[in-house]
């Protein structure tokens, strides 16, 4: 179950998007979208997890903010698309895990390995809320802005038609 709580316009440097706030009984999720999505096919779609380091503190050790910027630019150019922001800091492990993984990442480990070395799951995210939001908005099919197969697989398991992927090049 997911419920749309409210929606409104959000003016960004890439244009005016619609913002819809959803709640699943535990967490809020945000859909930021442009254009008419009801019945739309091959909609550009970015499923994005929250990132305190990148989004709030402009960390140079993280590319989350750049991924968000590029996604908004691509959607603005296409005239239609959606970004779904999920509250899943630290690959779903939380900010505590992120802080504890930093030293391993600075030693050259990849982020997933760094989480594991710090005693957390490599990737503890759940993308099912994104599928529920896409279904609520009536999207027929999406082209994912990602190189993460777990996101694609989860959406497909939840009966979202994924027609392809486009890697975000920074």
N, C-alpha and C. Protein backbone atom coordinates (compact mmCIF):
# COMPACT_ATOMS: atom_id res chain seq x y z
N UNK A 1 0.83 -1.17 0.00
CA UNK A 1 0.00 0.00 0.00
C UNK A 1 0.88 1.24 0.00
N UNK A 2 0.51 2.18 -0.83
CA UNK A 2 1.16 3.49 -0.83
C UNK A 2 0.08 4.52 -1.10
N UNK A 3 0.19 5.66 -0.42
CA UNK A 3 -0.83 6.70 -0.52
C UNK A 3 -0.18 8.00 -0.94
N UNK A 4 -0.79 8.66 -1.93
CA UNK A 4 -0.33 9.99 -2.31
C UNK A 4 -0.91 10.97 -1.30
N UNK A 5 -0.03 11.69 -0.60
CA UNK A 5 -0.48 12.64 0.42
C UNK A 5 -0.83 14.00 -0.16
N UNK A 6 0.00 14.47 -1.08
CA UNK A 6 -0.22 15.79 -1.68
C UNK A 6 0.66 15.92 -2.90
N UNK A 7 0.40 16.96 -3.68
CA UNK A 7 1.26 17.26 -4.82
C UNK A 7 1.20 18.74 -5.13
N UNK A 8 2.21 19.20 -5.84
CA UNK A 8 2.27 20.60 -6.23
C UNK A 8 3.37 20.80 -7.24
N UNK A 9 3.55 22.05 -7.65
CA UNK A 9 4.59 22.39 -8.60
C UNK A 9 5.89 22.73 -7.87
N UNK A 10 7.01 22.38 -8.49
CA UNK A 10 8.31 22.71 -7.94
C UNK A 10 9.14 23.33 -9.07
N UNK A 11 9.47 24.60 -8.91
CA UNK A 11 10.31 25.27 -9.90
C UNK A 11 11.77 24.92 -9.63
N UNK A 12 12.45 24.41 -10.65
CA UNK A 12 13.86 24.03 -10.53
C UNK A 12 14.65 24.77 -11.60
N UNK A 13 15.96 24.65 -11.56
CA UNK A 13 16.77 25.29 -12.60
C UNK A 13 16.61 24.59 -13.94
N UNK A 14 15.90 23.46 -13.97
CA UNK A 14 15.66 22.73 -15.21
C UNK A 14 14.21 22.83 -15.68
N UNK A 15 13.42 23.64 -15.01
CA UNK A 15 12.02 23.81 -15.38
C UNK A 15 11.11 23.53 -14.20
N UNK A 16 9.82 23.66 -14.44
CA UNK A 16 8.84 23.41 -13.39
C UNK A 16 8.36 21.97 -13.48
N UNK A 17 8.63 21.24 -12.43
CA UNK A 17 8.24 19.84 -12.32
C UNK A 17 7.04 19.74 -11.37
N UNK A 18 6.33 18.64 -11.46
CA UNK A 18 5.33 18.29 -10.46
C UNK A 18 6.03 17.49 -9.37
N UNK A 19 5.64 17.71 -8.14
CA UNK A 19 6.16 16.93 -7.02
C UNK A 19 4.99 16.29 -6.31
N UNK A 20 5.06 14.99 -6.11
CA UNK A 20 4.02 14.27 -5.38
C UNK A 20 4.68 13.56 -4.20
N UNK A 21 4.08 13.70 -3.04
CA UNK A 21 4.59 13.08 -1.82
C UNK A 21 3.76 11.85 -1.50
N UNK A 22 4.44 10.73 -1.34
CA UNK A 22 3.79 9.45 -1.05
C UNK A 22 4.22 8.96 0.33
N UNK A 23 3.37 8.09 0.90
CA UNK A 23 3.66 7.50 2.21
C UNK A 23 3.20 6.05 2.20
N UNK A 24 4.08 5.15 2.69
CA UNK A 24 3.75 3.72 2.68
C UNK A 24 3.47 3.15 4.07
N UNK A 25 3.28 4.04 5.05
CA UNK A 25 3.03 3.60 6.41
C UNK A 25 4.27 3.66 7.28
N UNK A 26 5.46 3.77 6.63
CA UNK A 26 6.72 3.87 7.36
C UNK A 26 7.60 5.00 6.86
N UNK A 27 7.66 5.15 5.55
CA UNK A 27 8.56 6.15 4.96
C UNK A 27 7.83 6.98 3.91
N UNK A 28 8.36 8.18 3.72
CA UNK A 28 7.88 9.03 2.65
C UNK A 28 8.77 8.81 1.42
N UNK A 29 8.17 8.94 0.26
CA UNK A 29 8.88 8.91 -1.02
C UNK A 29 8.37 10.08 -1.83
N UNK A 30 9.21 10.58 -2.71
CA UNK A 30 8.84 11.74 -3.52
C UNK A 30 8.96 11.39 -4.99
N UNK A 31 7.94 11.74 -5.75
CA UNK A 31 7.98 11.62 -7.20
C UNK A 31 8.10 13.02 -7.76
N UNK A 32 9.15 13.27 -8.52
CA UNK A 32 9.37 14.53 -9.20
C UNK A 32 9.24 14.24 -10.68
N UNK A 33 8.23 14.82 -11.33
CA UNK A 33 8.00 14.44 -12.71
C UNK A 33 7.61 15.61 -13.59
N UNK A 34 7.77 15.37 -14.87
CA UNK A 34 7.50 16.37 -15.89
C UNK A 34 6.65 15.73 -16.97
N UNK A 35 5.62 16.41 -17.39
CA UNK A 35 4.77 15.93 -18.47
C UNK A 35 3.66 15.02 -17.99
N UNK A 36 2.80 14.65 -18.94
CA UNK A 36 1.68 13.76 -18.64
C UNK A 36 2.18 12.32 -18.65
N UNK A 37 2.07 11.63 -17.53
CA UNK A 37 2.59 10.28 -17.41
C UNK A 37 1.53 9.20 -17.58
N UNK A 38 0.27 9.56 -17.45
CA UNK A 38 -0.81 8.57 -17.51
C UNK A 38 -0.85 7.90 -18.88
N UNK A 39 -0.59 6.60 -18.90
CA UNK A 39 -0.59 5.84 -20.14
C UNK A 39 0.67 6.01 -20.97
N UNK A 40 1.61 6.78 -20.49
CA UNK A 40 2.82 7.08 -21.25
C UNK A 40 3.76 5.87 -21.31
N UNK A 41 4.45 5.74 -22.45
CA UNK A 41 5.39 4.64 -22.66
C UNK A 41 6.82 5.18 -22.75
N UNK A 42 7.77 4.32 -22.40
CA UNK A 42 9.20 4.66 -22.47
C UNK A 42 9.53 5.95 -21.73
N UNK A 43 8.92 6.13 -20.57
CA UNK A 43 9.14 7.32 -19.76
C UNK A 43 10.52 7.21 -19.11
N UNK A 44 11.34 8.25 -19.26
CA UNK A 44 12.62 8.26 -18.56
C UNK A 44 12.35 8.22 -17.07
N UNK A 45 13.04 7.33 -16.37
CA UNK A 45 12.77 7.13 -14.95
C UNK A 45 14.07 6.92 -14.19
N UNK A 46 14.28 7.75 -13.19
CA UNK A 46 15.41 7.60 -12.28
C UNK A 46 14.86 7.25 -10.91
N UNK A 47 15.25 6.11 -10.36
CA UNK A 47 14.94 5.76 -8.98
C UNK A 47 16.20 6.11 -8.20
N UNK A 48 16.07 7.06 -7.29
CA UNK A 48 17.22 7.69 -6.63
C UNK A 48 17.06 7.59 -5.12
N UNK A 49 18.10 7.21 -4.44
CA UNK A 49 18.06 7.12 -2.97
C UNK A 49 18.61 8.40 -2.36
N UNK A 50 18.07 8.76 -1.22
CA UNK A 50 18.54 9.95 -0.52
C UNK A 50 20.03 9.81 -0.18
N UNK A 51 20.71 10.95 -0.12
CA UNK A 51 22.14 10.96 0.17
C UNK A 51 22.49 12.27 0.89
N UNK A 52 22.66 12.19 2.16
CA UNK A 52 22.99 13.38 2.94
C UNK A 52 24.32 13.98 2.49
N UNK A 53 25.33 13.15 2.29
CA UNK A 53 26.64 13.65 1.86
C UNK A 53 26.53 14.47 0.57
N UNK A 54 25.87 13.89 -0.43
CA UNK A 54 25.81 14.54 -1.74
C UNK A 54 24.79 15.64 -1.85
N UNK A 55 23.58 15.39 -1.35
CA UNK A 55 22.50 16.36 -1.54
C UNK A 55 22.55 17.54 -0.60
N UNK A 56 23.02 17.34 0.60
CA UNK A 56 23.04 18.44 1.58
C UNK A 56 24.41 19.05 1.77
N UNK A 57 25.45 18.21 1.76
CA UNK A 57 26.78 18.68 2.13
C UNK A 57 27.74 18.83 0.94
N UNK A 58 27.26 18.55 -0.28
CA UNK A 58 28.08 18.70 -1.50
C UNK A 58 29.41 17.95 -1.42
N UNK A 59 29.38 16.76 -0.90
CA UNK A 59 30.58 15.94 -0.77
C UNK A 59 31.20 15.65 -2.13
N UNK A 60 32.52 15.72 -2.19
CA UNK A 60 33.24 15.37 -3.41
C UNK A 60 33.51 13.86 -3.47
N UNK A 61 33.13 13.13 -2.42
CA UNK A 61 33.33 11.68 -2.38
C UNK A 61 32.10 10.93 -2.86
N UNK A 62 31.16 11.64 -3.40
CA UNK A 62 29.89 11.05 -3.78
C UNK A 62 29.41 11.71 -5.07
N UNK A 63 28.79 10.94 -5.96
CA UNK A 63 28.29 11.52 -7.20
C UNK A 63 26.76 11.58 -7.25
N UNK A 64 26.12 11.45 -6.10
CA UNK A 64 24.66 11.44 -6.05
C UNK A 64 24.04 12.74 -6.58
N UNK A 65 24.60 13.88 -6.20
CA UNK A 65 24.04 15.14 -6.67
C UNK A 65 24.19 15.28 -8.18
N UNK A 66 25.32 14.87 -8.70
CA UNK A 66 25.52 14.94 -10.15
C UNK A 66 24.54 14.02 -10.89
N UNK A 67 24.28 12.84 -10.32
CA UNK A 67 23.31 11.93 -10.93
C UNK A 67 21.92 12.57 -10.96
N UNK A 68 21.55 13.26 -9.89
CA UNK A 68 20.26 13.94 -9.84
C UNK A 68 20.20 15.05 -10.89
N UNK A 69 21.26 15.86 -10.98
CA UNK A 69 21.30 16.95 -11.95
C UNK A 69 21.16 16.44 -13.37
N UNK A 70 21.95 15.43 -13.73
CA UNK A 70 21.91 14.89 -15.08
C UNK A 70 20.53 14.29 -15.38
N UNK A 71 19.94 13.61 -14.41
CA UNK A 71 18.61 13.04 -14.60
C UNK A 71 17.58 14.13 -14.89
N UNK A 72 17.61 15.20 -14.11
CA UNK A 72 16.67 16.30 -14.34
C UNK A 72 16.89 16.94 -15.71
N UNK A 73 18.14 17.09 -16.11
CA UNK A 73 18.44 17.66 -17.43
C UNK A 73 17.90 16.78 -18.55
N UNK A 74 18.13 15.47 -18.46
CA UNK A 74 17.65 14.55 -19.49
C UNK A 74 16.13 14.56 -19.58
N UNK A 75 15.47 14.59 -18.43
CA UNK A 75 14.01 14.62 -18.41
C UNK A 75 13.49 15.93 -18.98
N UNK A 76 14.13 17.04 -18.64
CA UNK A 76 13.71 18.34 -19.16
C UNK A 76 13.85 18.37 -20.69
N UNK A 77 14.96 17.84 -21.21
CA UNK A 77 15.17 17.79 -22.66
C UNK A 77 14.12 16.92 -23.34
N UNK A 78 13.76 15.81 -22.70
CA UNK A 78 12.77 14.89 -23.28
C UNK A 78 11.34 15.44 -23.14
N UNK A 79 11.14 16.35 -22.19
CA UNK A 79 9.80 16.92 -21.98
C UNK A 79 8.90 16.05 -21.14
N UNK A 80 9.43 14.91 -20.71
CA UNK A 80 8.63 13.99 -19.90
C UNK A 80 9.57 13.02 -19.18
N UNK A 81 9.24 12.72 -17.93
CA UNK A 81 10.03 11.76 -17.17
C UNK A 81 9.76 11.90 -15.69
N UNK A 82 10.39 11.01 -14.92
CA UNK A 82 10.12 10.97 -13.49
C UNK A 82 11.38 10.57 -12.72
N UNK A 83 11.55 11.23 -11.59
CA UNK A 83 12.58 10.84 -10.62
C UNK A 83 11.84 10.46 -9.35
N UNK A 84 12.12 9.29 -8.84
CA UNK A 84 11.50 8.84 -7.59
C UNK A 84 12.59 8.81 -6.53
N UNK A 85 12.43 9.65 -5.52
CA UNK A 85 13.41 9.75 -4.44
C UNK A 85 12.92 8.92 -3.27
N UNK A 86 13.73 7.92 -2.92
CA UNK A 86 13.40 7.02 -1.82
C UNK A 86 14.27 7.34 -0.62
N UNK A 87 13.69 7.28 0.56
CA UNK A 87 14.41 7.56 1.81
C UNK A 87 15.22 6.31 2.19
N UNK A 88 16.42 6.19 1.58
CA UNK A 88 17.24 4.99 1.77
C UNK A 88 18.71 5.37 1.87
N UNK A 89 19.01 6.25 2.78
CA UNK A 89 20.38 6.72 3.00
C UNK A 89 21.33 5.54 3.20
N UNK A 90 22.53 5.69 2.69
CA UNK A 90 23.56 4.66 2.91
C UNK A 90 23.19 3.32 2.32
N UNK A 91 22.68 3.32 1.08
CA UNK A 91 22.21 2.09 0.42
C UNK A 91 21.23 1.32 1.31
N UNK A 92 20.39 2.08 2.01
CA UNK A 92 19.36 1.48 2.86
C UNK A 92 19.85 1.07 4.24
N UNK A 93 21.11 1.29 4.52
CA UNK A 93 21.68 0.94 5.82
C UNK A 93 21.63 2.10 6.81
N UNK A 94 21.40 3.30 6.34
CA UNK A 94 21.34 4.48 7.20
C UNK A 94 22.64 5.28 7.20
N UNK A 95 22.56 6.46 7.75
CA UNK A 95 23.72 7.36 7.76
C UNK A 95 24.83 6.84 8.67
N UNK A 96 24.47 6.16 9.75
CA UNK A 96 25.47 5.56 10.64
C UNK A 96 26.39 4.62 9.86
N UNK A 97 25.78 3.80 9.02
CA UNK A 97 26.56 2.87 8.20
C UNK A 97 27.44 3.63 7.22
N UNK A 98 26.91 4.68 6.64
CA UNK A 98 27.69 5.47 5.69
C UNK A 98 28.92 6.06 6.37
N UNK A 99 28.71 6.66 7.52
CA UNK A 99 29.85 7.24 8.25
C UNK A 99 30.89 6.19 8.61
N UNK A 100 30.46 5.02 8.98
CA UNK A 100 31.38 3.95 9.36
C UNK A 100 32.07 3.29 8.16
N UNK A 101 31.52 3.48 6.98
CA UNK A 101 32.13 2.89 5.78
C UNK A 101 33.15 3.80 5.11
N UNK A 102 33.15 5.06 5.45
CA UNK A 102 33.98 6.05 4.76
C UNK A 102 35.46 5.67 4.79
N UNK A 103 35.96 5.23 5.92
CA UNK A 103 37.40 4.93 6.00
C UNK A 103 37.80 3.82 5.03
N UNK A 104 36.92 2.85 4.82
CA UNK A 104 37.22 1.76 3.88
C UNK A 104 37.20 2.27 2.44
N UNK A 105 36.25 3.17 2.16
CA UNK A 105 36.18 3.73 0.81
C UNK A 105 37.43 4.56 0.53
N UNK A 106 37.89 5.30 1.51
CA UNK A 106 39.10 6.12 1.34
C UNK A 106 40.35 5.25 1.18
N UNK A 107 40.27 4.01 1.64
CA UNK A 107 41.38 3.06 1.46
C UNK A 107 41.32 2.37 0.10
N UNK A 108 40.32 2.74 -0.71
CA UNK A 108 40.24 2.22 -2.07
C UNK A 108 39.14 1.21 -2.32
N UNK A 109 38.36 0.88 -1.33
CA UNK A 109 37.27 -0.08 -1.51
C UNK A 109 36.09 0.59 -2.23
N UNK A 110 35.35 -0.19 -2.98
CA UNK A 110 34.11 0.30 -3.57
C UNK A 110 33.08 0.50 -2.46
N UNK A 111 32.03 1.27 -2.74
CA UNK A 111 31.07 1.60 -1.68
C UNK A 111 30.40 0.35 -1.10
N UNK A 112 29.98 -0.58 -1.95
CA UNK A 112 29.32 -1.79 -1.45
C UNK A 112 30.26 -2.61 -0.56
N UNK A 113 31.51 -2.75 -1.00
CA UNK A 113 32.49 -3.48 -0.20
C UNK A 113 32.76 -2.75 1.11
N UNK A 114 32.80 -1.42 1.06
CA UNK A 114 33.05 -0.64 2.27
C UNK A 114 31.94 -0.85 3.30
N UNK A 115 30.70 -0.93 2.86
CA UNK A 115 29.60 -1.21 3.80
C UNK A 115 29.78 -2.58 4.45
N UNK A 116 30.11 -3.56 3.64
CA UNK A 116 30.29 -4.91 4.16
C UNK A 116 31.45 -4.97 5.16
N UNK A 117 32.54 -4.31 4.86
CA UNK A 117 33.69 -4.28 5.77
C UNK A 117 33.35 -3.57 7.08
N UNK A 118 32.40 -2.64 7.02
CA UNK A 118 31.97 -1.92 8.23
C UNK A 118 30.89 -2.69 9.00
N UNK A 119 30.50 -3.87 8.48
CA UNK A 119 29.55 -4.71 9.19
C UNK A 119 28.10 -4.55 8.76
N UNK A 120 27.87 -3.99 7.58
CA UNK A 120 26.51 -3.76 7.10
C UNK A 120 26.28 -4.51 5.79
N UNK A 121 25.05 -4.51 5.32
CA UNK A 121 24.74 -5.16 4.05
C UNK A 121 25.30 -4.32 2.90
N UNK A 122 25.72 -5.01 1.86
CA UNK A 122 26.27 -4.33 0.67
C UNK A 122 25.26 -3.36 0.08
N UNK A 123 24.03 -3.77 0.02
CA UNK A 123 22.96 -2.93 -0.52
C UNK A 123 21.66 -3.40 0.12
N UNK A 124 21.12 -2.60 1.01
CA UNK A 124 19.93 -2.95 1.77
C UNK A 124 18.69 -2.20 1.27
N UNK A 125 18.77 -1.67 0.06
CA UNK A 125 17.66 -0.88 -0.47
C UNK A 125 16.52 -1.75 -0.97
N UNK A 126 15.34 -1.18 -0.97
CA UNK A 126 14.12 -1.82 -1.45
C UNK A 126 13.46 -0.84 -2.42
N UNK A 127 13.26 -1.27 -3.64
CA UNK A 127 12.74 -0.39 -4.68
C UNK A 127 11.26 -0.60 -4.99
N UNK A 128 10.58 -1.39 -4.16
CA UNK A 128 9.16 -1.68 -4.43
C UNK A 128 8.27 -0.45 -4.38
N UNK A 129 8.60 0.51 -3.52
CA UNK A 129 7.79 1.74 -3.44
C UNK A 129 7.80 2.48 -4.78
N UNK A 130 8.92 2.45 -5.49
CA UNK A 130 9.00 3.10 -6.79
C UNK A 130 8.00 2.49 -7.77
N UNK A 131 7.90 1.17 -7.76
CA UNK A 131 6.94 0.50 -8.65
C UNK A 131 5.52 0.91 -8.32
N UNK A 132 5.20 1.00 -7.04
CA UNK A 132 3.86 1.41 -6.62
C UNK A 132 3.55 2.83 -7.06
N UNK A 133 4.54 3.71 -7.00
CA UNK A 133 4.35 5.09 -7.43
C UNK A 133 4.12 5.15 -8.94
N UNK A 134 4.92 4.42 -9.69
CA UNK A 134 4.75 4.39 -11.15
C UNK A 134 3.36 3.88 -11.52
N UNK A 135 2.90 2.85 -10.83
CA UNK A 135 1.56 2.33 -11.08
C UNK A 135 0.48 3.35 -10.71
N UNK A 136 0.66 4.05 -9.59
CA UNK A 136 -0.30 5.06 -9.19
C UNK A 136 -0.42 6.18 -10.21
N UNK A 137 0.70 6.54 -10.82
CA UNK A 137 0.70 7.62 -11.82
C UNK A 137 0.28 7.13 -13.20
N UNK A 138 0.06 5.83 -13.35
CA UNK A 138 -0.44 5.28 -14.61
C UNK A 138 0.60 5.14 -15.71
N UNK A 139 1.87 5.08 -15.36
CA UNK A 139 2.93 4.95 -16.35
C UNK A 139 2.85 3.56 -16.98
N UNK A 140 2.86 3.50 -18.31
CA UNK A 140 2.77 2.21 -19.01
C UNK A 140 4.10 1.49 -19.08
N UNK A 141 5.18 2.23 -19.35
CA UNK A 141 6.51 1.61 -19.40
C UNK A 141 7.56 2.69 -19.17
N UNK A 142 8.74 2.23 -18.70
CA UNK A 142 9.82 3.16 -18.38
C UNK A 142 11.12 2.73 -19.04
N UNK A 143 11.97 3.72 -19.26
CA UNK A 143 13.36 3.50 -19.65
C UNK A 143 14.17 4.04 -18.49
N UNK A 144 14.82 3.15 -17.77
CA UNK A 144 15.50 3.50 -16.52
C UNK A 144 16.80 4.25 -16.75
N UNK A 145 17.00 5.31 -15.97
CA UNK A 145 18.27 6.03 -15.94
C UNK A 145 19.11 5.42 -14.83
N UNK A 146 19.78 4.33 -15.16
CA UNK A 146 20.56 3.59 -14.16
C UNK A 146 21.44 2.56 -14.83
N UNK A 147 22.42 2.08 -14.08
CA UNK A 147 23.16 0.89 -14.47
C UNK A 147 23.02 -0.17 -13.38
N UNK A 148 22.05 0.02 -12.49
CA UNK A 148 21.83 -0.88 -11.36
C UNK A 148 20.77 -1.92 -11.73
N UNK A 149 21.23 -3.14 -11.93
CA UNK A 149 20.32 -4.22 -12.32
C UNK A 149 19.29 -4.55 -11.24
N UNK A 150 19.63 -4.32 -9.97
CA UNK A 150 18.69 -4.61 -8.88
C UNK A 150 17.44 -3.72 -9.00
N UNK A 151 17.64 -2.46 -9.38
CA UNK A 151 16.49 -1.56 -9.57
C UNK A 151 15.60 -2.08 -10.69
N UNK A 152 16.22 -2.43 -11.80
CA UNK A 152 15.47 -2.92 -12.95
C UNK A 152 14.73 -4.20 -12.59
N UNK A 153 15.41 -5.14 -11.97
CA UNK A 153 14.81 -6.43 -11.61
C UNK A 153 13.64 -6.25 -10.65
N UNK A 154 13.80 -5.38 -9.67
CA UNK A 154 12.72 -5.16 -8.70
C UNK A 154 11.49 -4.58 -9.38
N UNK A 155 11.69 -3.59 -10.25
CA UNK A 155 10.54 -3.01 -10.94
C UNK A 155 9.85 -4.06 -11.81
N UNK A 156 10.63 -4.87 -12.50
CA UNK A 156 10.03 -5.92 -13.33
C UNK A 156 9.28 -6.94 -12.48
N UNK A 157 9.84 -7.31 -11.33
CA UNK A 157 9.16 -8.24 -10.42
C UNK A 157 7.83 -7.67 -9.95
N UNK A 158 7.75 -6.34 -9.88
CA UNK A 158 6.52 -5.66 -9.44
C UNK A 158 5.62 -5.30 -10.63
N UNK A 159 5.91 -5.92 -11.77
CA UNK A 159 5.11 -5.81 -12.99
C UNK A 159 5.14 -4.44 -13.65
N UNK A 160 6.25 -3.72 -13.46
CA UNK A 160 6.48 -2.49 -14.23
C UNK A 160 7.21 -2.91 -15.50
N UNK A 161 6.76 -2.42 -16.64
CA UNK A 161 7.41 -2.72 -17.91
C UNK A 161 8.62 -1.80 -18.05
N UNK A 162 9.81 -2.41 -18.08
CA UNK A 162 11.06 -1.68 -18.27
C UNK A 162 11.54 -2.00 -19.67
N UNK A 163 11.53 -0.99 -20.55
CA UNK A 163 11.89 -1.21 -21.95
C UNK A 163 13.38 -1.12 -22.21
N UNK A 164 14.13 -0.60 -21.24
CA UNK A 164 15.57 -0.50 -21.40
C UNK A 164 16.17 0.37 -20.32
N UNK A 165 17.47 0.55 -20.44
CA UNK A 165 18.18 1.41 -19.48
C UNK A 165 19.06 2.39 -20.25
N UNK A 166 19.36 3.47 -19.57
CA UNK A 166 20.31 4.46 -20.09
C UNK A 166 21.19 4.83 -18.92
N UNK A 167 22.47 4.54 -19.05
CA UNK A 167 23.40 4.86 -17.98
C UNK A 167 23.61 6.37 -17.92
N UNK A 168 23.68 6.89 -16.71
CA UNK A 168 23.95 8.31 -16.52
C UNK A 168 25.45 8.52 -16.64
N UNK A 169 25.84 9.31 -17.62
CA UNK A 169 27.25 9.60 -17.83
C UNK A 169 27.55 10.96 -17.22
N UNK A 170 28.48 10.96 -16.27
CA UNK A 170 28.84 12.21 -15.58
C UNK A 170 30.04 12.85 -16.22
